[in-house]
Amino acid sequence: MPKPPASTSPYWKLQRQWARLNTTLFRRTRGKVGGRFLGGAPVLLLNHVGRKSGEARTSPLIYLDDSPRLVVVASKGGTDTHPAWFHNLMAMESAEVELPGGQRRRVRPRIAEQDERAALWERVVAIYPPYATYATYTQRQIPVVVLEPAGD
């Protein structure tokens, strides 16, 4: 019998359920509930479109406020692949994020490289230390994505 795709495993189903619950709580309370991950790291909602499906999607993500920029990390997606939200986001010219307090922003994504990535990575790990642990068992360099304000 063939093994089911990793995206249909019980773990990923639970992750999707958590994301839906977090999104609902975040929106209903304007970020008062669901605006922090495990009580610490701040969370934003990334609104994007599936590359293959064309369907609207929302992903709750831990972020670093590097005003006026926001910084997110493409961590979850398996040990050797980037997550779907990362591929969707990078295929878009711009996207919308929702911040605690009900604020929405249009942003343009770009990947931080070299020295900028190293500096931002250290700051992101300071607000959410499990990223450092995750980086030790993945085969890929985890992208640090800078979300610049979009003027459109």
N, C-alpha and C. Protein backbone atom coordinates (compact mmCIF):
# COMPACT_ATOMS: atom_id res chain seq x y z
N MET A 1 0.84 -1.18 0.00
CA MET A 1 0.00 0.00 0.00
C MET A 1 0.89 1.24 0.00
N PRO A 2 0.63 2.22 -0.91
CA PRO A 2 1.47 3.41 -0.96
C PRO A 2 1.29 4.27 0.29
N LYS A 3 2.37 4.92 0.66
CA LYS A 3 2.36 5.81 1.82
C LYS A 3 1.64 7.11 1.45
N PRO A 4 0.74 7.63 2.33
CA PRO A 4 0.04 8.88 2.02
C PRO A 4 1.02 10.05 1.98
N PRO A 5 0.71 11.08 1.20
CA PRO A 5 1.58 12.26 1.16
C PRO A 5 1.73 12.86 2.55
N ALA A 6 2.89 13.44 2.82
CA ALA A 6 3.16 14.02 4.14
C ALA A 6 2.13 15.08 4.52
N SER A 7 1.60 15.79 3.52
CA SER A 7 0.64 16.86 3.83
C SER A 7 -0.69 16.34 4.34
N THR A 8 -0.94 15.03 4.22
CA THR A 8 -2.20 14.47 4.73
C THR A 8 -1.98 13.70 6.03
N SER A 9 -0.78 13.74 6.58
CA SER A 9 -0.51 13.04 7.83
C SER A 9 -1.31 13.68 8.96
N PRO A 10 -1.55 12.95 10.04
CA PRO A 10 -2.27 13.54 11.18
C PRO A 10 -1.61 14.81 11.71
N TYR A 11 -0.29 14.87 11.69
CA TYR A 11 0.42 16.06 12.16
C TYR A 11 0.02 17.28 11.34
N TRP A 12 0.05 17.17 10.00
CA TRP A 12 -0.27 18.31 9.15
C TRP A 12 -1.74 18.66 9.20
N LYS A 13 -2.61 17.66 9.38
CA LYS A 13 -4.03 17.96 9.55
C LYS A 13 -4.24 18.78 10.82
N LEU A 14 -3.55 18.41 11.88
CA LEU A 14 -3.63 19.16 13.14
C LEU A 14 -3.08 20.58 12.96
N GLN A 15 -1.99 20.71 12.22
CA GLN A 15 -1.43 22.03 11.95
C GLN A 15 -2.44 22.92 11.22
N ARG A 16 -3.12 22.36 10.21
CA ARG A 16 -4.11 23.14 9.46
C ARG A 16 -5.28 23.53 10.36
N GLN A 17 -5.72 22.62 11.24
CA GLN A 17 -6.81 22.94 12.16
C GLN A 17 -6.39 24.06 13.11
N TRP A 18 -5.16 23.97 13.64
CA TRP A 18 -4.66 25.02 14.52
C TRP A 18 -4.63 26.35 13.80
N ALA A 19 -4.17 26.36 12.55
CA ALA A 19 -4.08 27.60 11.78
C ALA A 19 -5.46 28.21 11.57
N ARG A 20 -6.47 27.38 11.26
CA ARG A 20 -7.83 27.90 11.08
C ARG A 20 -8.37 28.49 12.38
N LEU A 21 -8.18 27.78 13.50
CA LEU A 21 -8.64 28.27 14.80
C LEU A 21 -7.92 29.57 15.16
N ASN A 22 -6.61 29.60 14.98
CA ASN A 22 -5.82 30.79 15.30
C ASN A 22 -6.30 31.99 14.47
N THR A 23 -6.54 31.76 13.19
CA THR A 23 -7.00 32.83 12.31
C THR A 23 -8.35 33.38 12.77
N THR A 24 -9.27 32.50 13.10
CA THR A 24 -10.60 32.93 13.56
C THR A 24 -10.50 33.73 14.84
N LEU A 25 -9.75 33.23 15.83
CA LEU A 25 -9.58 33.94 17.09
C LEU A 25 -8.90 35.29 16.89
N PHE A 26 -7.86 35.30 16.06
CA PHE A 26 -7.11 36.52 15.78
C PHE A 26 -8.04 37.59 15.21
N ARG A 27 -8.83 37.23 14.21
CA ARG A 27 -9.71 38.20 13.56
C ARG A 27 -10.83 38.68 14.47
N ARG A 28 -11.43 37.76 15.21
CA ARG A 28 -12.56 38.15 16.08
C ARG A 28 -12.13 39.04 17.23
N THR A 29 -10.90 38.86 17.70
CA THR A 29 -10.43 39.64 18.85
C THR A 29 -9.43 40.72 18.46
N ARG A 30 -9.24 40.92 17.16
CA ARG A 30 -8.27 41.89 16.65
C ARG A 30 -6.86 41.63 17.20
N GLY A 31 -6.52 40.35 17.32
CA GLY A 31 -5.18 39.97 17.74
C GLY A 31 -4.97 39.82 19.23
N LYS A 32 -6.00 40.10 20.04
CA LYS A 32 -5.84 39.92 21.48
C LYS A 32 -5.71 38.45 21.83
N VAL A 33 -6.40 37.59 21.08
CA VAL A 33 -6.24 36.13 21.20
C VAL A 33 -5.70 35.67 19.86
N GLY A 34 -4.67 34.86 19.89
CA GLY A 34 -4.07 34.39 18.65
C GLY A 34 -2.99 35.31 18.12
N GLY A 35 -2.74 36.42 18.82
CA GLY A 35 -1.72 37.37 18.39
C GLY A 35 -0.34 37.06 18.92
N ARG A 36 -0.25 36.02 19.75
CA ARG A 36 1.04 35.57 20.30
C ARG A 36 1.09 34.05 20.19
N PHE A 37 2.25 33.53 19.83
CA PHE A 37 2.42 32.09 19.72
C PHE A 37 2.99 31.58 21.03
N LEU A 38 2.28 30.65 21.65
CA LEU A 38 2.68 30.08 22.94
C LEU A 38 2.98 31.18 23.96
N GLY A 39 2.20 32.26 23.88
CA GLY A 39 2.32 33.33 24.86
C GLY A 39 3.49 34.26 24.67
N GLY A 40 4.33 34.05 23.66
CA GLY A 40 5.51 34.89 23.52
C GLY A 40 5.65 35.59 22.19
N ALA A 41 6.01 34.86 21.17
CA ALA A 41 6.33 35.45 19.88
C ALA A 41 5.10 36.03 19.21
N PRO A 42 5.21 37.25 18.65
CA PRO A 42 4.07 37.87 17.98
C PRO A 42 3.71 37.15 16.68
N VAL A 43 2.42 37.18 16.36
CA VAL A 43 1.90 36.50 15.17
C VAL A 43 1.18 37.50 14.28
N LEU A 44 1.38 37.35 12.98
CA LEU A 44 0.60 38.09 11.99
C LEU A 44 -0.12 37.07 11.11
N LEU A 45 -1.10 37.52 10.36
CA LEU A 45 -1.78 36.66 9.40
C LEU A 45 -1.33 37.08 8.01
N LEU A 46 -0.84 36.12 7.25
CA LEU A 46 -0.44 36.36 5.87
C LEU A 46 -1.54 35.87 4.96
N ASN A 47 -2.09 36.77 4.15
CA ASN A 47 -3.12 36.42 3.18
C ASN A 47 -2.44 36.24 1.83
N HIS A 48 -2.59 35.06 1.25
CA HIS A 48 -1.93 34.76 -0.02
C HIS A 48 -2.85 33.90 -0.87
N VAL A 49 -2.41 33.63 -2.08
CA VAL A 49 -3.20 32.84 -3.03
C VAL A 49 -2.40 31.59 -3.39
N GLY A 50 -3.07 30.44 -3.37
CA GLY A 50 -2.41 29.19 -3.74
C GLY A 50 -1.97 29.24 -5.20
N ARG A 51 -0.71 28.90 -5.46
CA ARG A 51 -0.18 28.94 -6.83
C ARG A 51 -0.92 27.99 -7.75
N LYS A 52 -1.22 26.80 -7.25
CA LYS A 52 -1.85 25.77 -8.08
C LYS A 52 -3.38 25.88 -8.05
N SER A 53 -3.93 26.14 -6.87
CA SER A 53 -5.39 26.15 -6.73
C SER A 53 -6.01 27.50 -7.07
N GLY A 54 -5.26 28.58 -6.88
CA GLY A 54 -5.81 29.91 -7.07
C GLY A 54 -6.72 30.33 -5.92
N GLU A 55 -6.80 29.50 -4.88
CA GLU A 55 -7.67 29.79 -3.74
C GLU A 55 -6.99 30.72 -2.74
N ALA A 56 -7.79 31.57 -2.11
CA ALA A 56 -7.29 32.44 -1.06
C ALA A 56 -6.92 31.60 0.16
N ARG A 57 -5.80 31.93 0.76
CA ARG A 57 -5.32 31.21 1.95
C ARG A 57 -4.83 32.22 2.99
N THR A 58 -4.86 31.81 4.24
CA THR A 58 -4.34 32.63 5.33
C THR A 58 -3.44 31.76 6.18
N SER A 59 -2.24 32.27 6.48
CA SER A 59 -1.29 31.53 7.31
C SER A 59 -0.88 32.40 8.49
N PRO A 60 -1.09 31.92 9.74
CA PRO A 60 -0.56 32.64 10.89
C PRO A 60 0.95 32.39 10.97
N LEU A 61 1.72 33.46 11.09
CA LEU A 61 3.19 33.34 11.11
C LEU A 61 3.78 34.18 12.23
N ILE A 62 4.82 33.66 12.85
CA ILE A 62 5.60 34.43 13.81
C ILE A 62 6.36 35.49 13.02
N TYR A 63 6.42 36.71 13.56
CA TYR A 63 7.12 37.77 12.84
C TYR A 63 7.94 38.65 13.76
N LEU A 64 8.85 39.35 13.14
CA LEU A 64 9.68 40.35 13.80
C LEU A 64 9.29 41.69 13.22
N ASP A 65 8.97 42.65 14.07
CA ASP A 65 8.63 43.99 13.60
C ASP A 65 9.94 44.77 13.47
N ASP A 66 10.35 45.00 12.25
CA ASP A 66 11.56 45.75 11.93
C ASP A 66 11.10 46.99 11.17
N SER A 67 10.28 47.78 11.82
CA SER A 67 9.55 48.89 11.22
C SER A 67 10.42 49.71 10.26
N PRO A 68 9.89 50.00 9.07
CA PRO A 68 8.55 49.72 8.58
C PRO A 68 8.41 48.32 7.98
N ARG A 69 9.50 47.55 8.00
CA ARG A 69 9.45 46.21 7.43
C ARG A 69 8.97 45.21 8.49
N LEU A 70 8.51 44.07 7.99
CA LEU A 70 8.19 42.94 8.84
C LEU A 70 9.07 41.79 8.36
N VAL A 71 9.41 40.88 9.25
CA VAL A 71 10.30 39.78 8.88
C VAL A 71 9.65 38.48 9.33
N VAL A 72 9.58 37.50 8.42
CA VAL A 72 9.07 36.17 8.74
C VAL A 72 10.10 35.14 8.30
N VAL A 73 9.96 33.93 8.81
CA VAL A 73 10.90 32.86 8.51
C VAL A 73 10.15 31.68 7.93
N ALA A 74 10.64 31.13 6.83
CA ALA A 74 10.00 29.97 6.18
C ALA A 74 10.47 28.70 6.87
N SER A 75 9.92 28.42 8.04
CA SER A 75 10.42 27.28 8.81
C SER A 75 9.69 25.99 8.51
N LYS A 76 8.38 25.95 8.74
CA LYS A 76 7.66 24.68 8.59
C LYS A 76 7.43 24.36 7.12
N GLY A 77 7.61 23.12 6.78
CA GLY A 77 7.40 22.67 5.41
C GLY A 77 8.06 21.33 5.23
N GLY A 78 8.58 20.79 6.30
CA GLY A 78 9.34 19.55 6.21
C GLY A 78 10.82 19.87 6.33
N THR A 79 11.62 18.86 6.49
CA THR A 79 13.05 19.11 6.69
C THR A 79 13.78 19.44 5.40
N ASP A 80 13.19 19.12 4.25
CA ASP A 80 13.90 19.37 3.01
C ASP A 80 13.13 20.22 2.01
N THR A 81 11.98 20.75 2.40
CA THR A 81 11.20 21.59 1.48
C THR A 81 10.74 22.85 2.19
N HIS A 82 10.55 23.90 1.42
CA HIS A 82 9.99 25.13 1.97
C HIS A 82 8.47 24.95 2.06
N PRO A 83 7.83 25.63 3.00
CA PRO A 83 6.37 25.50 3.14
C PRO A 83 5.62 26.11 1.95
N ALA A 84 4.41 25.64 1.75
CA ALA A 84 3.60 26.11 0.62
C ALA A 84 3.37 27.61 0.67
N TRP A 85 3.14 28.17 1.88
CA TRP A 85 2.88 29.61 1.97
C TRP A 85 4.07 30.40 1.43
N PHE A 86 5.29 29.90 1.64
CA PHE A 86 6.49 30.59 1.15
C PHE A 86 6.49 30.63 -0.37
N HIS A 87 6.23 29.49 -1.00
CA HIS A 87 6.19 29.44 -2.47
C HIS A 87 5.07 30.34 -3.01
N ASN A 88 3.91 30.30 -2.36
CA ASN A 88 2.79 31.15 -2.79
C ASN A 88 3.18 32.62 -2.68
N LEU A 89 3.74 33.01 -1.55
CA LEU A 89 4.11 34.40 -1.32
C LEU A 89 5.16 34.87 -2.33
N MET A 90 6.18 34.06 -2.56
CA MET A 90 7.25 34.48 -3.46
C MET A 90 6.78 34.56 -4.91
N ALA A 91 5.68 33.90 -5.24
CA ALA A 91 5.13 33.97 -6.60
C ALA A 91 4.27 35.21 -6.80
N MET A 92 3.97 35.91 -5.71
CA MET A 92 3.09 37.09 -5.78
C MET A 92 3.93 38.37 -5.79
N GLU A 93 3.43 39.37 -6.50
CA GLU A 93 4.11 40.66 -6.49
C GLU A 93 3.94 41.34 -5.14
N SER A 94 2.75 41.21 -4.55
CA SER A 94 2.50 41.76 -3.23
C SER A 94 1.44 40.90 -2.55
N ALA A 95 1.34 41.08 -1.24
CA ALA A 95 0.37 40.32 -0.44
C ALA A 95 -0.12 41.23 0.68
N GLU A 96 -1.10 40.75 1.41
CA GLU A 96 -1.63 41.51 2.54
C GLU A 96 -1.35 40.75 3.83
N VAL A 97 -0.97 41.49 4.86
CA VAL A 97 -0.82 40.91 6.18
C VAL A 97 -1.77 41.63 7.13
N GLU A 98 -2.18 40.90 8.15
CA GLU A 98 -3.02 41.46 9.21
C GLU A 98 -2.21 41.40 10.50
N LEU A 99 -2.13 42.53 11.18
CA LEU A 99 -1.37 42.63 12.42
C LEU A 99 -2.32 42.75 13.60
N PRO A 100 -1.86 42.43 14.80
CA PRO A 100 -2.71 42.64 15.97
C PRO A 100 -3.22 44.07 16.01
N GLY A 101 -4.45 44.23 16.45
CA GLY A 101 -5.08 45.54 16.48
C GLY A 101 -5.93 45.79 15.25
N GLY A 102 -5.96 44.82 14.34
CA GLY A 102 -6.78 44.95 13.15
C GLY A 102 -6.12 45.69 12.00
N GLN A 103 -4.87 46.08 12.16
CA GLN A 103 -4.16 46.80 11.10
C GLN A 103 -3.83 45.85 9.94
N ARG A 104 -4.06 46.32 8.72
CA ARG A 104 -3.72 45.55 7.52
C ARG A 104 -2.68 46.33 6.72
N ARG A 105 -1.75 45.59 6.12
CA ARG A 105 -0.72 46.23 5.30
C ARG A 105 -0.51 45.44 4.02
N ARG A 106 -0.28 46.15 2.93
CA ARG A 106 0.16 45.51 1.68
C ARG A 106 1.68 45.46 1.76
N VAL A 107 2.24 44.33 1.41
CA VAL A 107 3.69 44.14 1.49
C VAL A 107 4.22 43.48 0.22
N ARG A 108 5.50 43.70 -0.03
CA ARG A 108 6.21 43.03 -1.12
C ARG A 108 7.29 42.16 -0.48
N PRO A 109 7.33 40.88 -0.84
CA PRO A 109 8.31 39.99 -0.22
C PRO A 109 9.65 40.01 -0.95
N ARG A 110 10.70 39.81 -0.18
CA ARG A 110 12.02 39.55 -0.75
C ARG A 110 12.79 38.70 0.24
N ILE A 111 13.74 37.95 -0.23
CA ILE A 111 14.53 37.08 0.64
C ILE A 111 15.78 37.84 1.08
N ALA A 112 16.02 37.86 2.37
CA ALA A 112 17.23 38.49 2.91
C ALA A 112 18.43 37.61 2.58
N GLU A 113 19.51 38.22 2.20
CA GLU A 113 20.72 37.49 1.82
C GLU A 113 21.88 37.86 2.73
N GLN A 114 22.80 36.97 2.89
CA GLN A 114 24.10 37.11 3.55
C GLN A 114 24.05 37.85 4.88
N ASP A 115 24.71 39.02 4.97
CA ASP A 115 24.83 39.73 6.25
C ASP A 115 23.47 40.14 6.81
N GLU A 116 22.59 40.61 5.93
CA GLU A 116 21.25 41.01 6.38
C GLU A 116 20.53 39.81 6.96
N ARG A 117 20.61 38.66 6.27
CA ARG A 117 19.96 37.44 6.75
C ARG A 117 20.51 37.04 8.12
N ALA A 118 21.83 37.06 8.26
CA ALA A 118 22.46 36.66 9.53
C ALA A 118 21.99 37.55 10.68
N ALA A 119 21.95 38.86 10.45
CA ALA A 119 21.51 39.79 11.51
C ALA A 119 20.04 39.58 11.85
N LEU A 120 19.20 39.43 10.83
CA LEU A 120 17.77 39.23 11.08
C LEU A 120 17.51 37.88 11.71
N TRP A 121 18.23 36.84 11.28
CA TRP A 121 18.07 35.49 11.85
C TRP A 121 18.30 35.52 13.36
N GLU A 122 19.35 36.19 13.79
CA GLU A 122 19.65 36.27 15.23
C GLU A 122 18.51 36.96 15.99
N ARG A 123 17.94 38.00 15.41
CA ARG A 123 16.84 38.70 16.07
C ARG A 123 15.57 37.85 16.12
N VAL A 124 15.30 37.12 15.04
CA VAL A 124 14.12 36.25 15.01
C VAL A 124 14.28 35.11 16.02
N VAL A 125 15.45 34.52 16.08
CA VAL A 125 15.71 33.43 17.04
C VAL A 125 15.59 33.95 18.48
N ALA A 126 15.93 35.20 18.71
CA ALA A 126 15.80 35.77 20.05
C ALA A 126 14.33 35.83 20.50
N ILE A 127 13.39 36.06 19.55
CA ILE A 127 11.98 36.11 19.95
C ILE A 127 11.34 34.72 19.92
N TYR A 128 11.94 33.77 19.17
CA TYR A 128 11.39 32.42 19.10
C TYR A 128 12.54 31.41 18.97
N PRO A 129 13.18 31.03 20.09
CA PRO A 129 14.35 30.15 20.08
C PRO A 129 14.17 28.80 19.38
N PRO A 130 12.97 28.19 19.32
CA PRO A 130 12.87 26.90 18.62
C PRO A 130 13.31 26.94 17.14
N TYR A 131 13.33 28.13 16.51
CA TYR A 131 13.83 28.19 15.13
C TYR A 131 15.28 27.72 15.06
N ALA A 132 16.08 28.07 16.04
CA ALA A 132 17.49 27.66 16.04
C ALA A 132 17.61 26.15 16.11
N THR A 133 16.78 25.52 16.93
CA THR A 133 16.78 24.06 17.03
C THR A 133 16.33 23.44 15.72
N TYR A 134 15.27 23.98 15.13
CA TYR A 134 14.77 23.46 13.86
C TYR A 134 15.86 23.53 12.78
N ALA A 135 16.62 24.61 12.77
CA ALA A 135 17.66 24.80 11.76
C ALA A 135 18.74 23.72 11.84
N THR A 136 18.90 23.11 13.01
CA THR A 136 19.94 22.08 13.15
C THR A 136 19.54 20.74 12.54
N TYR A 137 18.24 20.52 12.30
CA TYR A 137 17.86 19.23 11.72
C TYR A 137 17.21 19.32 10.35
N THR A 138 17.27 20.49 9.75
CA THR A 138 16.80 20.59 8.37
C THR A 138 18.00 20.61 7.43
N GLN A 139 17.79 20.12 6.23
CA GLN A 139 18.86 20.08 5.24
C GLN A 139 18.95 21.37 4.43
N ARG A 140 18.01 22.28 4.64
CA ARG A 140 17.98 23.50 3.84
C ARG A 140 18.27 24.71 4.70
N GLN A 141 18.73 25.76 4.04
CA GLN A 141 18.86 27.01 4.77
C GLN A 141 17.46 27.62 4.83
N ILE A 142 17.02 27.93 6.01
CA ILE A 142 15.67 28.46 6.20
C ILE A 142 15.65 29.92 5.73
N PRO A 143 14.81 30.24 4.74
CA PRO A 143 14.77 31.61 4.25
C PRO A 143 14.22 32.60 5.28
N VAL A 144 14.85 33.74 5.33
CA VAL A 144 14.36 34.87 6.10
C VAL A 144 13.73 35.81 5.07
N VAL A 145 12.43 36.06 5.23
CA VAL A 145 11.68 36.84 4.25
C VAL A 145 11.38 38.21 4.82
N VAL A 146 11.81 39.23 4.09
CA VAL A 146 11.54 40.62 4.48
C VAL A 146 10.30 41.06 3.72
N LEU A 147 9.34 41.59 4.46
CA LEU A 147 8.10 42.10 3.88
C LEU A 147 8.17 43.61 3.89
N GLU A 148 8.50 44.18 2.75
CA GLU A 148 8.61 45.63 2.60
C GLU A 148 7.23 46.23 2.36
N PRO A 149 6.98 47.45 2.84
CA PRO A 149 5.71 48.10 2.54
C PRO A 149 5.52 48.23 1.03
N ALA A 150 4.32 47.92 0.56
CA ALA A 150 4.00 48.05 -0.86
C ALA A 150 3.22 49.34 -1.05
N GLY A 151 3.53 50.05 -2.09
CA GLY A 151 2.88 51.34 -2.32
C GLY A 151 1.63 51.25 -3.14
N ASP A 152 1.11 50.00 -3.40
CA ASP A 152 -0.07 49.93 -4.27
C ASP A 152 -1.37 49.93 -3.54
